[in-house]
Amino acid sequence: VDYGGTISKLDGRFVAILPNGLRFETEGSNLVDTILMIIESTSRRAA
């Protein structure tokens, strides 16, 4: 969220959206892992 991302729920799935509009959809059981993957990949790219 501090990075500017948003998370919502659509048709029973979570949708994580980056500030550039890139979307990731996932089940609730994978939400934490999905957010972790996004944060780690944006951190590496920024580095």
PDB file of all heavy atoms in Angstrom:
ATOM      1  N   VAL A   1       0.844  -1.205   0.000  1.00  0.00           N
ATOM      2  CA  VAL A   1       0.000   0.000   0.000  1.00  0.00           C
ATOM      3  C   VAL A   1       0.879   1.256   0.000  1.00  0.00           C
ATOM      4  O   VAL A   1       0.607   2.213  -0.721  1.00  0.00           O
ATOM      5  CB  VAL A   1      -0.977  -0.013   1.196  1.00  0.00           C
ATOM      6  CG1 VAL A   1      -1.693   1.321   1.342  1.00  0.00           C
ATOM      7  CG2 VAL A   1      -1.982  -1.146   1.027  1.00  0.00           C
ATOM      8  N   ASP A   2       1.946   1.263   0.781  1.00  0.00           N
ATOM      9  CA  ASP A   2       2.851   2.405   0.802  1.00  0.00           C
ATOM     10  C   ASP A   2       3.487   2.626  -0.571  1.00  0.00           C
ATOM     11  O   ASP A   2       3.790   3.760  -0.940  1.00  0.00           O
ATOM     12  CB  ASP A   2       3.947   2.223   1.856  1.00  0.00           C
ATOM     13  CG  ASP A   2       3.429   2.360   3.276  1.00  0.00           C
ATOM     14  OD1 ASP A   2       2.276   2.808   3.476  1.00  0.00           O
ATOM     15  OD2 ASP A   2       4.180   1.995   4.209  1.00  0.00           O
ATOM     16  N   TYR A   3       3.687   1.564  -1.323  1.00  0.00           N
ATOM     17  CA  TYR A   3       4.251   1.641  -2.678  1.00  0.00           C
ATOM     18  C   TYR A   3       3.241   2.231  -3.671  1.00  0.00           C
ATOM     19  O   TYR A   3       3.596   2.681  -4.741  1.00  0.00           O
ATOM     20  CB  TYR A   3       4.693   0.238  -3.108  1.00  0.00           C
ATOM     21  CG  TYR A   3       5.346   0.170  -4.457  1.00  0.00           C
ATOM     22  CD1 TYR A   3       6.633   0.667  -4.665  1.00  0.00           C
ATOM     23  CD2 TYR A   3       4.681  -0.397  -5.535  1.00  0.00           C
ATOM     24  CE1 TYR A   3       7.236   0.603  -5.906  1.00  0.00           C
ATOM     25  CE2 TYR A   3       5.282  -0.475  -6.784  1.00  0.00           C
ATOM     26  CZ  TYR A   3       6.567   0.028  -6.961  1.00  0.00           C
ATOM     27  OH  TYR A   3       7.152  -0.040  -8.193  1.00  0.00           O
ATOM     28  N   GLY A   4       1.973   2.223  -3.281  1.00  0.00           N
ATOM     29  CA  GLY A   4       0.931   2.767  -4.146  1.00  0.00           C
ATOM     30  C   GLY A   4      -0.002   1.714  -4.704  1.00  0.00           C
ATOM     31  O   GLY A   4      -0.875   2.009  -5.519  1.00  0.00           O
ATOM     32  N   GLY A   5       0.160   0.470  -4.268  1.00  0.00           N
ATOM     33  CA  GLY A   5      -0.696  -0.611  -4.741  1.00  0.00           C
ATOM     34  C   GLY A   5      -2.045  -0.626  -4.055  1.00  0.00           C
ATOM     35  O   GLY A   5      -2.224  -0.035  -2.989  1.00  0.00           O
ATOM     36  N   THR A   6      -2.993  -1.282  -4.681  1.00  0.00           N
ATOM     37  CA  THR A   6      -4.317  -1.458  -4.100  1.00  0.00           C
ATOM     38  C   THR A   6      -4.686  -2.934  -4.153  1.00  0.00           C
ATOM     39  O   THR A   6      -4.181  -3.679  -4.994  1.00  0.00           O
ATOM     40  CB  THR A   6      -5.396  -0.650  -4.855  1.00  0.00           C
ATOM     41  OG1 THR A   6      -5.456  -1.104  -6.203  1.00  0.00           O
ATOM     42  CG2 THR A   6      -5.100   0.836  -4.821  1.00  0.00           C
ATOM     43  N   ILE A   7      -5.557  -3.338  -3.265  1.00  0.00           N
ATOM     44  CA  ILE A   7      -6.039  -4.719  -3.232  1.00  0.00           C
ATOM     45  C   ILE A   7      -7.551  -4.651  -3.102  1.00  0.00           C
ATOM     46  O   ILE A   7      -8.080  -3.923  -2.263  1.00  0.00           O
ATOM     47  CB  ILE A   7      -5.448  -5.511  -2.051  1.00  0.00           C
ATOM     48  CG1 ILE A   7      -3.919  -5.492  -2.106  1.00  0.00           C
ATOM     49  CG2 ILE A   7      -5.971  -6.946  -2.066  1.00  0.00           C
ATOM     50  CD1 ILE A   7      -3.261  -6.045  -0.855  1.00  0.00           C
ATOM     51  N   SER A   8      -8.229  -5.409  -3.932  1.00  0.00           N
ATOM     52  CA  SER A   8      -9.688  -5.472  -3.847  1.00  0.00           C
ATOM     53  C   SER A   8     -10.106  -6.918  -4.053  1.00  0.00           C
ATOM     54  O   SER A   8      -9.281  -7.793  -4.273  1.00  0.00           O
ATOM     55  CB  SER A   8     -10.330  -4.564  -4.891  1.00  0.00           C
ATOM     56  OG  SER A   8      -9.938  -4.946  -6.189  1.00  0.00           O
ATOM     57  N   LYS A   9     -11.392  -7.142  -3.985  1.00  0.00           N
ATOM     58  CA  LYS A   9     -11.927  -8.483  -4.185  1.00  0.00           C
ATOM     59  C   LYS A   9     -12.909  -8.433  -5.339  1.00  0.00           C
ATOM     60  O   LYS A   9     -13.756  -7.553  -5.412  1.00  0.00           O
ATOM     61  CB  LYS A   9     -12.605  -8.982  -2.915  1.00  0.00           C
ATOM     62  CG  LYS A   9     -12.721 -10.479  -2.870  1.00  0.00           C
ATOM     63  CD  LYS A   9     -12.921 -10.960  -1.462  1.00  0.00           C
ATOM     64  CE  LYS A   9     -12.931 -12.472  -1.477  1.00  0.00           C
ATOM     65  NZ  LYS A   9     -13.312 -13.008  -0.199  1.00  0.00           N
ATOM     66  N   LEU A  10     -12.749  -9.362  -6.276  1.00  0.00           N
ATOM     67  CA  LEU A  10     -13.584  -9.415  -7.461  1.00  0.00           C
ATOM     68  C   LEU A  10     -13.970 -10.864  -7.720  1.00  0.00           C
ATOM     69  O   LEU A  10     -13.088 -11.714  -7.876  1.00  0.00           O
ATOM     70  CB  LEU A  10     -12.816  -8.833  -8.661  1.00  0.00           C
ATOM     71  CG  LEU A  10     -13.526  -8.815  -9.999  1.00  0.00           C
ATOM     72  CD1 LEU A  10     -14.728  -7.858  -9.948  1.00  0.00           C
ATOM     73  CD2 LEU A  10     -12.566  -8.374 -11.096  1.00  0.00           C
ATOM     74  N   ASP A  11     -15.242 -11.149  -7.735  1.00  0.00           N
ATOM     75  CA  ASP A  11     -15.734 -12.506  -7.988  1.00  0.00           C
ATOM     76  C   ASP A  11     -15.075 -13.550  -7.082  1.00  0.00           C
ATOM     77  O   ASP A  11     -14.689 -14.625  -7.528  1.00  0.00           O
ATOM     78  CB  ASP A  11     -15.526 -12.881  -9.454  1.00  0.00           C
ATOM     79  CG  ASP A  11     -16.312 -11.998 -10.400  1.00  0.00           C
ATOM     80  OD1 ASP A  11     -17.413 -11.546 -10.013  1.00  0.00           O
ATOM     81  OD2 ASP A  11     -15.817 -11.752 -11.522  1.00  0.00           O
ATOM     82  N   GLY A  12     -14.899 -13.192  -5.800  1.00  0.00           N
ATOM     83  CA  GLY A  12     -14.350 -14.139  -4.838  1.00  0.00           C
ATOM     84  C   GLY A  12     -12.840 -14.265  -4.850  1.00  0.00           C
ATOM     85  O   GLY A  12     -12.276 -15.027  -4.084  1.00  0.00           O
ATOM     86  N   ARG A  13     -12.162 -13.533  -5.719  1.00  0.00           N
ATOM     87  CA  ARG A  13     -10.695 -13.570  -5.793  1.00  0.00           C
ATOM     88  C   ARG A  13     -10.142 -12.206  -5.410  1.00  0.00           C
ATOM     89  O   ARG A  13     -10.776 -11.187  -5.637  1.00  0.00           O
ATOM     90  CB  ARG A  13     -10.239 -13.924  -7.201  1.00  0.00           C
ATOM     91  CG  ARG A  13     -10.674 -15.316  -7.628  1.00  0.00           C
ATOM     92  CD  ARG A  13     -10.301 -15.622  -9.064  1.00  0.00           C
ATOM     93  NE  ARG A  13      -8.890 -15.525  -9.359  1.00  0.00           N
ATOM     94  CZ  ARG A  13      -8.003 -16.509  -9.184  1.00  0.00           C
ATOM     95  NH1 ARG A  13      -8.399 -17.657  -8.696  1.00  0.00           N
ATOM     96  NH2 ARG A  13      -6.742 -16.345  -9.502  1.00  0.00           N
ATOM     97  N   PHE A  14      -8.942 -12.209  -4.844  1.00  0.00           N
ATOM     98  CA  PHE A  14      -8.277 -10.959  -4.525  1.00  0.00           C
ATOM     99  C   PHE A  14      -7.545 -10.460  -5.764  1.00  0.00           C
ATOM    100  O   PHE A  14      -6.969 -11.248  -6.524  1.00  0.00           O
ATOM    101  CB  PHE A  14      -7.286 -11.145  -3.381  1.00  0.00           C
ATOM    102  CG  PHE A  14      -7.965 -11.323  -2.055  1.00  0.00           C
ATOM    103  CD1 PHE A  14      -8.226 -12.586  -1.565  1.00  0.00           C
ATOM    104  CD2 PHE A  14      -8.352 -10.216  -1.315  1.00  0.00           C
ATOM    105  CE1 PHE A  14      -8.859 -12.751  -0.350  1.00  0.00           C
ATOM    106  CE2 PHE A  14      -8.985 -10.368  -0.096  1.00  0.00           C
ATOM    107  CZ  PHE A  14      -9.239 -11.637   0.390  1.00  0.00           C
ATOM    108  N   VAL A  15      -7.572  -9.153  -5.969  1.00  0.00           N
ATOM    109  CA  VAL A  15      -6.887  -8.526  -7.095  1.00  0.00           C
ATOM    110  C   VAL A  15      -5.940  -7.482  -6.524  1.00  0.00           C
ATOM    111  O   VAL A  15      -6.377  -6.515  -5.889  1.00  0.00           O
ATOM    112  CB  VAL A  15      -7.882  -7.861  -8.070  1.00  0.00           C
ATOM    113  CG1 VAL A  15      -7.137  -7.236  -9.237  1.00  0.00           C
ATOM    114  CG2 VAL A  15      -8.917  -8.866  -8.554  1.00  0.00           C
ATOM    115  N   ALA A  16      -4.641  -7.704  -6.723  1.00  0.00           N
ATOM    116  CA  ALA A  16      -3.618  -6.742  -6.300  1.00  0.00           C
ATOM    117  C   ALA A  16      -3.200  -5.962  -7.539  1.00  0.00           C
ATOM    118  O   ALA A  16      -2.836  -6.556  -8.554  1.00  0.00           O
ATOM    119  CB  ALA A  16      -2.424  -7.474  -5.692  1.00  0.00           C
ATOM    120  N   ILE A  17      -3.264  -4.633  -7.447  1.00  0.00           N
ATOM    121  CA  ILE A  17      -2.976  -3.782  -8.605  1.00  0.00           C
ATOM    122  C   ILE A  17      -1.837  -2.833  -8.255  1.00  0.00           C
ATOM    123  O   ILE A  17      -1.914  -2.084  -7.276  1.00  0.00           O
ATOM    124  CB  ILE A  17      -4.219  -2.982  -9.029  1.00  0.00           C
ATOM    125  CG1 ILE A  17      -5.401  -3.923  -9.276  1.00  0.00           C
ATOM    126  CG2 ILE A  17      -3.915  -2.143 -10.274  1.00  0.00           C
ATOM    127  CD1 ILE A  17      -6.722  -3.218  -9.497  1.00  0.00           C
ATOM    128  N   LEU A  18      -0.796  -2.879  -9.070  1.00  0.00           N
ATOM    129  CA  LEU A  18       0.344  -1.973  -8.906  1.00  0.00           C
ATOM    130  C   LEU A  18      -0.014  -0.587  -9.435  1.00  0.00           C
ATOM    131  O   LEU A  18      -0.943  -0.451 -10.236  1.00  0.00           O
ATOM    132  CB  LEU A  18       1.555  -2.517  -9.664  1.00  0.00           C
ATOM    133  CG  LEU A  18       2.237  -3.708  -9.018  1.00  0.00           C
ATOM    134  CD1 LEU A  18       3.208  -4.357  -9.983  1.00  0.00           C
ATOM    135  CD2 LEU A  18       2.962  -3.265  -7.758  1.00  0.00           C
ATOM    136  N   PRO A  19       0.721   0.434  -9.045  1.00  0.00           N
ATOM    137  CA  PRO A  19       0.437   1.789  -9.528  1.00  0.00           C
ATOM    138  C   PRO A  19       0.459   1.914 -11.059  1.00  0.00           C
ATOM    139  O   PRO A  19      -0.246   2.737 -11.618  1.00  0.00           O
ATOM    140  CB  PRO A  19       1.545   2.648  -8.904  1.00  0.00           C
ATOM    141  CG  PRO A  19       2.015   1.880  -7.729  1.00  0.00           C
ATOM    142  CD  PRO A  19       1.802   0.433  -8.068  1.00  0.00           C
ATOM    143  N   ASN A  20       1.233   1.062 -11.729  1.00  0.00           N
ATOM    144  CA  ASN A  20       1.300   1.118 -13.196  1.00  0.00           C
ATOM    145  C   ASN A  20       0.155   0.365 -13.868  1.00  0.00           C
ATOM    146  O   ASN A  20       0.102   0.280 -15.089  1.00  0.00           O
ATOM    147  CB  ASN A  20       2.645   0.594 -13.695  1.00  0.00           C
ATOM    148  CG  ASN A  20       2.852  -0.876 -13.423  1.00  0.00           C
ATOM    149  OD1 ASN A  20       1.967  -1.557 -12.914  1.00  0.00           O
ATOM    150  ND2 ASN A  20       4.032  -1.377 -13.738  1.00  0.00           N
ATOM    151  N   GLY A  21      -0.765  -0.192 -13.068  1.00  0.00           N
ATOM    152  CA  GLY A  21      -1.929  -0.884 -13.610  1.00  0.00           C
ATOM    153  C   GLY A  21      -1.784  -2.393 -13.734  1.00  0.00           C
ATOM    154  O   GLY A  21      -2.750  -3.089 -14.027  1.00  0.00           O
ATOM    155  N   LEU A  22      -0.593  -2.922 -13.529  1.00  0.00           N
ATOM    156  CA  LEU A  22      -0.381  -4.365 -13.590  1.00  0.00           C
ATOM    157  C   LEU A  22      -1.196  -5.041 -12.498  1.00  0.00           C
ATOM    158  O   LEU A  22      -1.175  -4.620 -11.341  1.00  0.00           O
ATOM    159  CB  LEU A  22       1.103  -4.683 -13.415  1.00  0.00           C
ATOM    160  CG  LEU A  22       1.549  -6.104 -13.675  1.00  0.00           C
ATOM    161  CD1 LEU A  22       1.223  -6.532 -15.100  1.00  0.00           C
ATOM    162  CD2 LEU A  22       3.039  -6.231 -13.421  1.00  0.00           C
ATOM    163  N   ARG A  23      -1.957  -6.090 -12.880  1.00  0.00           N
ATOM    164  CA  ARG A  23      -2.879  -6.764 -11.961  1.00  0.00           C
ATOM    165  C   ARG A  23      -2.450  -8.200 -11.697  1.00  0.00           C
ATOM    166  O   ARG A  23      -2.003  -8.894 -12.602  1.00  0.00           O
ATOM    167  CB  ARG A  23      -4.277  -6.802 -12.561  1.00  0.00           C
ATOM    168  CG  ARG A  23      -4.883  -5.475 -12.821  1.00  0.00           C
ATOM    169  CD  ARG A  23      -6.108  -5.577 -13.724  1.00  0.00           C
ATOM    170  NE  ARG A  23      -7.047  -6.587 -13.306  1.00  0.00           N
ATOM    171  CZ  ARG A  23      -8.227  -6.331 -12.744  1.00  0.00           C
ATOM    172  NH1 ARG A  23      -8.596  -5.083 -12.557  1.00  0.00           N
ATOM    173  NH2 ARG A  23      -9.032  -7.300 -12.398  1.00  0.00           N
ATOM    174  N   PHE A  24      -2.652  -8.622 -10.469  1.00  0.00           N
ATOM    175  CA  PHE A  24      -2.409  -9.999 -10.061  1.00  0.00           C
ATOM    176  C   PHE A  24      -3.665 -10.488  -9.367  1.00  0.00           C
ATOM    177  O   PHE A  24      -4.132  -9.851  -8.427  1.00  0.00           O
ATOM    178  CB  PHE A  24      -1.225 -10.077  -9.084  1.00  0.00           C
ATOM    179  CG  PHE A  24       0.078  -9.640  -9.666  1.00  0.00           C
ATOM    180  CD1 PHE A  24       0.420  -8.298  -9.693  1.00  0.00           C
ATOM    181  CD2 PHE A  24       0.953 -10.561 -10.194  1.00  0.00           C
ATOM    182  CE1 PHE A  24       1.626  -7.877 -10.228  1.00  0.00           C
ATOM    183  CE2 PHE A  24       2.163 -10.158 -10.733  1.00  0.00           C
ATOM    184  CZ  PHE A  24       2.494  -8.814 -10.754  1.00  0.00           C
ATOM    185  N   GLU A  25      -4.207 -11.624  -9.816  1.00  0.00           N
ATOM    186  CA  GLU A  25      -5.380 -12.205  -9.177  1.00  0.00           C
ATOM    187  C   GLU A  25      -4.967 -13.467  -8.447  1.00  0.00           C
ATOM    188  O   GLU A  25      -4.143 -14.243  -8.943  1.00  0.00           O
ATOM    189  CB  GLU A  25      -6.440 -12.543 -10.227  1.00  0.00           C
ATOM    190  CG  GLU A  25      -7.040 -11.315 -10.867  1.00  0.00           C
ATOM    191  CD  GLU A  25      -8.200 -11.641 -11.782  1.00  0.00           C
ATOM    192  OE1 GLU A  25      -8.832 -12.705 -11.619  1.00  0.00           O
ATOM    193  OE2 GLU A  25      -8.473 -10.814 -12.670  1.00  0.00           O
ATOM    194  N   THR A  26      -5.573 -13.679  -7.281  1.00  0.00           N
ATOM    195  CA  THR A  26      -5.210 -14.846  -6.483  1.00  0.00           C
ATOM    196  C   THR A  26      -6.349 -15.231  -5.544  1.00  0.00           C
ATOM    197  O   THR A  26      -7.219 -14.421  -5.240  1.00  0.00           O
ATOM    198  CB  THR A  26      -3.928 -14.571  -5.665  1.00  0.00           C
ATOM    199  OG1 THR A  26      -3.528 -15.777  -5.011  1.00  0.00           O
ATOM    200  CG2 THR A  26      -4.138 -13.475  -4.645  1.00  0.00           C
ATOM    201  N   GLU A  27      -6.304 -16.451  -5.103  1.00  0.00           N
ATOM    202  CA  GLU A  27      -7.219 -16.932  -4.070  1.00  0.00           C
ATOM    203  C   GLU A  27      -6.741 -16.387  -2.724  1.00  0.00           C
ATOM    204  O   GLU A  27      -5.573 -16.043  -2.571  1.00  0.00           O
ATOM    205  CB  GLU A  27      -7.218 -18.467  -4.026  1.00  0.00           C
ATOM    206  CG  GLU A  27      -7.668 -19.128  -5.310  1.00  0.00           C
ATOM    207  CD  GLU A  27      -9.139 -18.893  -5.595  1.00  0.00           C
ATOM    208  OE1 GLU A  27      -9.939 -18.815  -4.641  1.00  0.00           O
ATOM    209  OE2 GLU A  27      -9.485 -18.766  -6.777  1.00  0.00           O
ATOM    210  N   GLY A  28      -7.634 -16.343  -1.764  1.00  0.00           N
ATOM    211  CA  GLY A  28      -7.281 -15.849  -0.437  1.00  0.00           C
ATOM    212  C   GLY A  28      -6.139 -16.601   0.209  1.00  0.00           C
ATOM    213  O   GLY A  28      -5.303 -16.010   0.884  1.00  0.00           O
ATOM    214  N   SER A  29      -6.076 -17.904  -0.007  1.00  0.00           N
ATOM    215  CA  SER A  29      -5.020 -18.706   0.615  1.00  0.00           C
ATOM    216  C   SER A  29      -3.638 -18.373   0.065  1.00  0.00           C
ATOM    217  O   SER A  29      -2.632 -18.701   0.684  1.00  0.00           O
ATOM    218  CB  SER A  29      -5.301 -20.194   0.427  1.00  0.00           C
ATOM    219  OG  SER A  29      -5.364 -20.507  -0.960  1.00  0.00           O
ATOM    220  N   ASN A  30      -3.563 -17.706  -1.076  1.00  0.00           N
ATOM    221  CA  ASN A  30      -2.278 -17.339  -1.677  1.00  0.00           C
ATOM    222  C   ASN A  30      -2.023 -15.840  -1.643  1.00  0.00           C
ATOM    223  O   ASN A  30      -1.041 -15.377  -2.222  1.00  0.00           O
ATOM    224  CB  ASN A  30      -2.215 -17.811  -3.133  1.00  0.00           C
ATOM    225  CG  ASN A  30      -2.251 -19.308  -3.243  1.00  0.00           C
ATOM    226  OD1 ASN A  30      -1.689 -20.007  -2.418  1.00  0.00           O
ATOM    227  ND2 ASN A  30      -2.934 -19.804  -4.250  1.00  0.00           N
ATOM    228  N   LEU A  31      -2.880 -15.078  -0.986  1.00  0.00           N
ATOM    229  CA  LEU A  31      -2.753 -13.617  -1.016  1.00  0.00           C
ATOM    230  C   LEU A  31      -1.424 -13.145  -0.440  1.00  0.00           C
ATOM    231  O   LEU A  31      -0.735 -12.332  -1.060  1.00  0.00           O
ATOM    232  CB  LEU A  31      -3.914 -12.960  -0.271  1.00  0.00           C
ATOM    233  CG  LEU A  31      -3.873 -11.429  -0.229  1.00  0.00           C
ATOM    234  CD1 LEU A  31      -3.916 -10.852  -1.647  1.00  0.00           C
ATOM    235  CD2 LEU A  31      -5.023 -10.898   0.607  1.00  0.00           C
ATOM    236  N   VAL A  32      -1.032 -13.645   0.716  1.00  0.00           N
ATOM    237  CA  VAL A  32       0.221 -13.200   1.340  1.00  0.00           C
ATOM    238  C   VAL A  32       1.407 -13.540   0.444  1.00  0.00           C
ATOM    239  O   VAL A  32       2.276 -12.690   0.220  1.00  0.00           O
ATOM    240  CB  VAL A  32       0.381 -13.814   2.747  1.00  0.00           C
ATOM    241  CG1 VAL A  32       1.773 -13.547   3.296  1.00  0.00           C
ATOM    242  CG2 VAL A  32      -0.677 -13.250   3.693  1.00  0.00           C
ATOM    243  N   ASP A  33       1.451 -14.734  -0.101  1.00  0.00           N
ATOM    244  CA  ASP A  33       2.556 -15.120  -0.989  1.00  0.00           C
ATOM    245  C   ASP A  33       2.582 -14.263  -2.251  1.00  0.00           C
ATOM    246  O   ASP A  33       3.646 -13.901  -2.743  1.00  0.00           O
ATOM    247  CB  ASP A  33       2.469 -16.599  -1.371  1.00  0.00           C
ATOM    248  CG  ASP A  33       2.734 -17.512  -0.191  1.00  0.00           C
ATOM    249  OD1 ASP A  33       3.451 -17.092   0.742  1.00  0.00           O
ATOM    250  OD2 ASP A  33       2.214 -18.638  -0.194  1.00  0.00           O
ATOM    251  N   THR A  34       1.416 -13.915  -2.771  1.00  0.00           N
ATOM    252  CA  THR A  34       1.336 -13.074  -3.972  1.00  0.00           C
ATOM    253  C   THR A  34       1.869 -11.680  -3.687  1.00  0.00           C
ATOM    254  O   THR A  34       2.666 -11.137  -4.452  1.00  0.00           O
ATOM    255  CB  THR A  34      -0.110 -13.007  -4.492  1.00  0.00           C
ATOM    256  OG1 THR A  34      -0.543 -14.334  -4.813  1.00  0.00           O
ATOM    257  CG2 THR A  34      -0.217 -12.124  -5.720  1.00  0.00           C
ATOM    258  N   ILE A  35       1.446 -11.094  -2.569  1.00  0.00           N
ATOM    259  CA  ILE A  35       1.928  -9.761  -2.214  1.00  0.00           C
ATOM    260  C   ILE A  35       3.435  -9.789  -1.976  1.00  0.00           C
ATOM    261  O   ILE A  35       4.160  -8.896  -2.419  1.00  0.00           O
ATOM    262  CB  ILE A  35       1.179  -9.205  -0.990  1.00  0.00           C
ATOM    263  CG1 ILE A  35      -0.299  -9.034  -1.310  1.00  0.00           C
ATOM    264  CG2 ILE A  35       1.774  -7.877  -0.538  1.00  0.00           C
ATOM    265  CD1 ILE A  35      -1.147  -8.709  -0.105  1.00  0.00           C
ATOM    266  N   LEU A  36       3.920 -10.828  -1.302  1.00  0.00           N
ATOM    267  CA  LEU A  36       5.361 -10.970  -1.073  1.00  0.00           C
ATOM    268  C   LEU A  36       6.110 -11.008  -2.402  1.00  0.00           C
ATOM    269  O   LEU A  36       7.117 -10.320  -2.584  1.00  0.00           O
ATOM    270  CB  LEU A  36       5.654 -12.225  -0.260  1.00  0.00           C
ATOM    271  CG  LEU A  36       7.132 -12.625  -0.152  1.00  0.00           C
ATOM    272  CD1 LEU A  36       7.946 -11.531   0.508  1.00  0.00           C
ATOM    273  CD2 LEU A  36       7.265 -13.939   0.581  1.00  0.00           C
ATOM    274  N   MET A  37       5.629 -11.800  -3.353  1.00  0.00           N
ATOM    275  CA  MET A  37       6.281 -11.910  -4.654  1.00  0.00           C
ATOM    276  C   MET A  37       6.319 -10.556  -5.359  1.00  0.00           C
ATOM    277  O   MET A  37       7.332 -10.167  -5.924  1.00  0.00           O
ATOM    278  CB  MET A  37       5.550 -12.927  -5.534  1.00  0.00           C
ATOM    279  CG  MET A  37       6.181 -13.107  -6.880  1.00  0.00           C
ATOM    280  SD  MET A  37       5.127 -13.091  -8.357  1.00  0.00           S
ATOM    281  CE  MET A  37       3.660 -12.262  -7.986  1.00  0.00           C
ATOM    282  N   ILE A  38       5.215  -9.830  -5.304  1.00  0.00           N
ATOM    283  CA  ILE A  38       5.165  -8.511  -5.954  1.00  0.00           C
ATOM    284  C   ILE A  38       6.153  -7.558  -5.289  1.00  0.00           C
ATOM    285  O   ILE A  38       6.924  -6.870  -5.972  1.00  0.00           O
ATOM    286  CB  ILE A  38       3.733  -7.933  -5.891  1.00  0.00           C
ATOM    287  CG1 ILE A  38       2.770  -8.783  -6.708  1.00  0.00           C
ATOM    288  CG2 ILE A  38       3.722  -6.491  -6.382  1.00  0.00           C
ATOM    289  CD1 ILE A  38       1.301  -8.466  -6.470  1.00  0.00           C
ATOM    290  N   ILE A  39       6.149  -7.499  -3.970  1.00  0.00           N
ATOM    291  CA  ILE A  39       7.047  -6.598  -3.236  1.00  0.00           C
ATOM    292  C   ILE A  39       8.500  -6.942  -3.534  1.00  0.00           C
ATOM    293  O   ILE A  39       9.324  -6.061  -3.800  1.00  0.00           O
ATOM    294  CB  ILE A  39       6.769  -6.668  -1.715  1.00  0.00           C
ATOM    295  CG1 ILE A  39       5.435  -5.996  -1.394  1.00  0.00           C
ATOM    296  CG2 ILE A  39       7.894  -6.043  -0.913  1.00  0.00           C
ATOM    297  CD1 ILE A  39       5.401  -4.513  -1.671  1.00  0.00           C
ATOM    298  N   GLU A  40       8.837  -8.215  -3.504  1.00  0.00           N
ATOM    299  CA  GLU A  40      10.220  -8.619  -3.763  1.00  0.00           C
ATOM    300  C   GLU A  40      10.640  -8.289  -5.195  1.00  0.00           C
ATOM    301  O   GLU A  40      11.753  -7.838  -5.433  1.00  0.00           O
ATOM    302  CB  GLU A  40      10.420 -10.110  -3.474  1.00  0.00           C
ATOM    303  CG  GLU A  40      10.325 -10.448  -2.008  1.00  0.00           C
ATOM    304  CD  GLU A  40      11.376  -9.750  -1.160  1.00  0.00           C
ATOM    305  OE1 GLU A  40      12.535  -9.650  -1.599  1.00  0.00           O
ATOM    306  OE2 GLU A  40      11.028  -9.300  -0.056  1.00  0.00           O
ATOM    307  N   SER A  41       9.760  -8.498  -6.157  1.00  0.00           N
ATOM    308  CA  SER A  41      10.133  -8.219  -7.543  1.00  0.00           C
ATOM    309  C   SER A  41      10.246  -6.711  -7.790  1.00  0.00           C
ATOM    310  O   SER A  41      11.126  -6.274  -8.526  1.00  0.00           O
ATOM    311  CB  SER A  41       9.145  -8.847  -8.525  1.00  0.00           C
ATOM    312  OG  SER A  41       7.877  -8.258  -8.414  1.00  0.00           O
ATOM    313  N   THR A  42       9.388  -5.901  -7.169  1.00  0.00           N
ATOM    314  CA  THR A  42       9.512  -4.453  -7.348  1.00  0.00           C
ATOM    315  C   THR A  42      10.749  -3.933  -6.632  1.00  0.00           C
ATOM    316  O   THR A  42      11.390  -3.007  -7.119  1.00  0.00           O
ATOM    317  CB  THR A  42       8.254  -3.707  -6.868  1.00  0.00           C
ATOM    318  OG1 THR A  42       7.996  -4.024  -5.505  1.00  0.00           O
ATOM    319  CG2 THR A  42       7.057  -4.038  -7.721  1.00  0.00           C
ATOM    320  N   SER A  43      11.109  -4.541  -5.510  1.00  0.00           N
ATOM    321  CA  SER A  43      12.325  -4.136  -4.795  1.00  0.00           C
ATOM    322  C   SER A  43      13.565  -4.440  -5.624  1.00  0.00           C
ATOM    323  O   SER A  43      14.478  -3.630  -5.714  1.00  0.00           O
ATOM    324  CB  SER A  43      12.420  -4.850  -3.446  1.00  0.00           C
ATOM    325  OG  SER A  43      11.392  -4.451  -2.594  1.00  0.00           O
ATOM    326  N   ARG A  44      13.607  -5.619  -6.225  1.00  0.00           N
ATOM    327  CA  ARG A  44      14.761  -5.988  -7.061  1.00  0.00           C
ATOM    328  C   ARG A  44      14.869  -5.095  -8.285  1.00  0.00           C
ATOM    329  O   ARG A  44      15.942  -4.655  -8.648  1.00  0.00           O
ATOM    330  CB  ARG A  44      14.660  -7.452  -7.491  1.00  0.00           C
ATOM    331  CG  ARG A  44      15.333  -8.371  -6.493  1.00  0.00           C
ATOM    332  CD  ARG A  44      15.411  -9.779  -7.002  1.00  0.00           C
ATOM    333  NE  ARG A  44      14.473 -10.534  -6.186  1.00  0.00           N
ATOM    334  CZ  ARG A  44      13.382 -11.138  -6.616  1.00  0.00           C
ATOM    335  NH1 ARG A  44      13.086 -11.148  -7.864  1.00  0.00           N
ATOM    336  NH2 ARG A  44      12.594 -11.763  -5.798  1.00  0.00           N
ATOM    337  N   ARG A  45      13.738  -4.833  -8.922  1.00  0.00           N
ATOM    338  CA  ARG A  45      13.749  -3.997 -10.118  1.00  0.00           C
ATOM    339  C   ARG A  45      14.195  -2.584  -9.759  1.00  0.00           C
ATOM    340  O   ARG A  45      14.981  -1.979 -10.462  1.00  0.00           O
ATOM    341  CB  ARG A  45      12.372  -3.969 -10.776  1.00  0.00           C
ATOM    342  CG  ARG A  45      12.364  -3.221 -12.088  1.00  0.00           C
ATOM    343  CD  ARG A  45      11.026  -3.294 -12.775  1.00  0.00           C
ATOM    344  NE  ARG A  45       9.963  -3.156 -11.796  1.00  0.00           N
ATOM    345  CZ  ARG A  45       8.877  -3.917 -11.756  1.00  0.00           C
ATOM    346  NH1 ARG A  45       8.661  -4.819 -12.646  1.00  0.00           N
ATOM    347  NH2 ARG A  45       7.972  -3.766 -10.834  1.00  0.00           N
ATOM    348  N   ALA A  46      13.718  -2.070  -8.641  1.00  0.00           N
ATOM    349  CA  ALA A  46      14.101  -0.729  -8.213  1.00  0.00           C
ATOM    350  C   ALA A  46      15.589  -0.673  -7.882  1.00  0.00           C
ATOM    351  O   ALA A  46      16.249   0.324  -8.152  1.00  0.00           O
ATOM    352  CB  ALA A  46      13.274  -0.302  -7.001  1.00  0.00           C
ATOM    353  N   ALA A  47      16.125  -1.751  -7.329  1.00  0.00           N
ATOM    354  CA  ALA A  47      17.551  -1.786  -6.996  1.00  0.00           C
ATOM    355  C   ALA A  47      18.408  -1.698  -8.254  1.00  0.00           C
ATOM    356  O   ALA A  47      19.517  -1.170  -8.224  1.00  0.00           O
ATOM    357  CB  ALA A  47      17.877  -3.060  -6.220  1.00  0.00           C
TER     358      ALA A  47
END
